[in-house]
Amino acid sequence: MDHSRLYLVTDLVGFYEKCGWEYVGEVNELDGGPIRLYGANALLHREQGK
């Protein structure tokens, strides 16, 4: 996975899409059940001059 992206897993449908997250697909939880995987670009902030 790309380090300039954030990823999360959730069983919510429709909420994170409204917040700018992109649906990546389904992955398996530790117990083997499916769960939704989302990704979003990480925001990097640098202060100028420091």
N, C-alpha and C. Protein backbone atom coordinates (compact mmCIF):
# COMPACT_ATOMS: atom_id res chain seq x y z
N MET A 1 0.83 -1.19 0.00
CA MET A 1 0.00 0.00 0.00
C MET A 1 0.87 1.25 0.00
N ASP A 2 0.36 2.28 -0.57
CA ASP A 2 1.05 3.55 -0.71
C ASP A 2 1.09 4.30 0.63
N HIS A 3 2.25 4.84 1.01
CA HIS A 3 2.40 5.56 2.28
C HIS A 3 1.81 6.97 2.25
N SER A 4 1.43 7.48 1.09
CA SER A 4 0.85 8.81 1.03
C SER A 4 -0.68 8.76 1.13
N ARG A 5 -1.19 7.59 1.47
CA ARG A 5 -2.64 7.42 1.63
C ARG A 5 -2.95 6.88 3.02
N LEU A 6 -4.14 7.21 3.49
CA LEU A 6 -4.67 6.66 4.73
C LEU A 6 -5.70 5.60 4.37
N TYR A 7 -5.80 4.57 5.18
CA TYR A 7 -6.76 3.51 4.94
C TYR A 7 -7.55 3.25 6.21
N LEU A 8 -8.81 2.88 6.05
CA LEU A 8 -9.62 2.48 7.19
C LEU A 8 -10.56 1.36 6.78
N VAL A 9 -10.96 0.59 7.76
CA VAL A 9 -11.95 -0.46 7.52
C VAL A 9 -13.17 -0.15 8.37
N THR A 10 -14.35 -0.42 7.82
CA THR A 10 -15.59 -0.12 8.50
C THR A 10 -16.71 -0.95 7.90
N ASP A 11 -17.79 -1.10 8.66
CA ASP A 11 -18.97 -1.75 8.11
C ASP A 11 -20.02 -0.72 7.69
N LEU A 12 -19.71 0.57 7.86
CA LEU A 12 -20.63 1.62 7.43
C LEU A 12 -20.64 1.72 5.90
N VAL A 13 -21.81 1.93 5.34
CA VAL A 13 -21.96 2.09 3.89
C VAL A 13 -22.53 3.48 3.62
N GLY A 14 -21.83 4.26 2.80
CA GLY A 14 -22.33 5.56 2.38
C GLY A 14 -21.79 6.74 3.16
N PHE A 15 -21.36 6.54 4.40
CA PHE A 15 -20.90 7.66 5.21
C PHE A 15 -19.55 8.19 4.76
N TYR A 16 -18.55 7.33 4.65
CA TYR A 16 -17.20 7.78 4.33
C TYR A 16 -17.08 8.30 2.90
N GLU A 17 -17.91 7.81 1.98
CA GLU A 17 -17.91 8.36 0.63
C GLU A 17 -18.28 9.84 0.66
N LYS A 18 -19.20 10.21 1.54
CA LYS A 18 -19.62 11.61 1.68
C LYS A 18 -18.51 12.47 2.27
N CYS A 19 -17.57 11.85 2.96
CA CYS A 19 -16.46 12.57 3.60
C CYS A 19 -15.20 12.58 2.75
N GLY A 20 -15.30 12.11 1.49
CA GLY A 20 -14.16 12.17 0.59
C GLY A 20 -13.31 10.91 0.52
N TRP A 21 -13.68 9.87 1.26
CA TRP A 21 -12.96 8.60 1.19
C TRP A 21 -13.40 7.83 -0.05
N GLU A 22 -12.48 7.05 -0.61
CA GLU A 22 -12.76 6.24 -1.79
C GLU A 22 -12.90 4.78 -1.39
N TYR A 23 -13.96 4.13 -1.84
CA TYR A 23 -14.15 2.71 -1.58
C TYR A 23 -13.11 1.93 -2.37
N VAL A 24 -12.30 1.10 -1.69
CA VAL A 24 -11.26 0.32 -2.34
C VAL A 24 -11.76 -1.08 -2.64
N GLY A 25 -12.47 -1.67 -1.70
CA GLY A 25 -12.98 -3.03 -1.88
C GLY A 25 -13.20 -3.68 -0.53
N GLU A 26 -13.49 -4.97 -0.56
CA GLU A 26 -13.68 -5.70 0.68
C GLU A 26 -12.42 -6.47 1.03
N VAL A 27 -12.12 -6.52 2.32
CA VAL A 27 -11.01 -7.30 2.85
C VAL A 27 -11.55 -8.19 3.96
N ASN A 28 -10.75 -9.11 4.43
CA ASN A 28 -11.17 -10.00 5.50
C ASN A 28 -10.74 -9.47 6.86
N GLU A 29 -11.68 -9.50 7.81
CA GLU A 29 -11.36 -9.18 9.19
C GLU A 29 -10.55 -10.32 9.80
N LEU A 30 -10.09 -10.13 11.01
CA LEU A 30 -9.33 -11.18 11.68
C LEU A 30 -10.13 -12.48 11.84
N ASP A 31 -11.44 -12.35 12.00
CA ASP A 31 -12.28 -13.54 12.14
C ASP A 31 -12.65 -14.16 10.78
N GLY A 32 -12.18 -13.55 9.69
CA GLY A 32 -12.42 -14.08 8.35
C GLY A 32 -13.60 -13.48 7.62
N GLY A 33 -14.41 -12.69 8.32
CA GLY A 33 -15.57 -12.05 7.69
C GLY A 33 -15.17 -10.86 6.86
N PRO A 34 -15.98 -10.51 5.85
CA PRO A 34 -15.66 -9.36 4.99
C PRO A 34 -15.96 -8.04 5.67
N ILE A 35 -15.16 -7.03 5.35
CA ILE A 35 -15.37 -5.66 5.83
C ILE A 35 -14.89 -4.71 4.74
N ARG A 36 -15.48 -3.53 4.69
CA ARG A 36 -15.18 -2.56 3.64
C ARG A 36 -13.87 -1.82 3.93
N LEU A 37 -13.05 -1.63 2.88
CA LEU A 37 -11.79 -0.89 2.97
C LEU A 37 -11.93 0.41 2.19
N TYR A 38 -11.54 1.52 2.83
CA TYR A 38 -11.57 2.84 2.21
C TYR A 38 -10.18 3.44 2.23
N GLY A 39 -9.90 4.32 1.28
CA GLY A 39 -8.64 5.03 1.22
C GLY A 39 -8.86 6.50 0.95
N ALA A 40 -7.93 7.33 1.43
CA ALA A 40 -7.97 8.77 1.18
C ALA A 40 -6.55 9.28 1.14
N ASN A 41 -6.32 10.34 0.39
CA ASN A 41 -5.00 10.95 0.33
C ASN A 41 -4.65 11.57 1.68
N ALA A 42 -3.42 11.37 2.13
CA ALA A 42 -2.95 11.96 3.37
C ALA A 42 -2.61 13.42 3.12
N LEU A 43 -2.97 14.26 4.04
CA LEU A 43 -2.64 15.68 3.93
C LEU A 43 -1.36 15.93 4.70
N LEU A 44 -0.36 16.37 3.98
CA LEU A 44 0.92 16.68 4.61
C LEU A 44 1.06 18.19 4.72
N HIS A 45 1.41 18.66 5.90
CA HIS A 45 1.52 20.11 6.13
C HIS A 45 2.94 20.43 6.56
N ARG A 46 3.58 21.36 5.86
CA ARG A 46 4.90 21.86 6.22
C ARG A 46 4.81 23.35 6.48
N GLU A 47 5.37 23.76 7.58
CA GLU A 47 5.44 25.19 7.85
C GLU A 47 6.64 25.77 7.12
N GLN A 48 6.41 26.84 6.40
CA GLN A 48 7.48 27.47 5.63
C GLN A 48 8.48 28.16 6.56
N GLY A 49 9.77 28.01 6.27
CA GLY A 49 10.80 28.73 7.01
C GLY A 49 11.23 28.09 8.31
N LYS A 50 10.74 26.91 8.63
CA LYS A 50 11.14 26.27 9.91
C LYS A 50 11.75 24.93 9.66
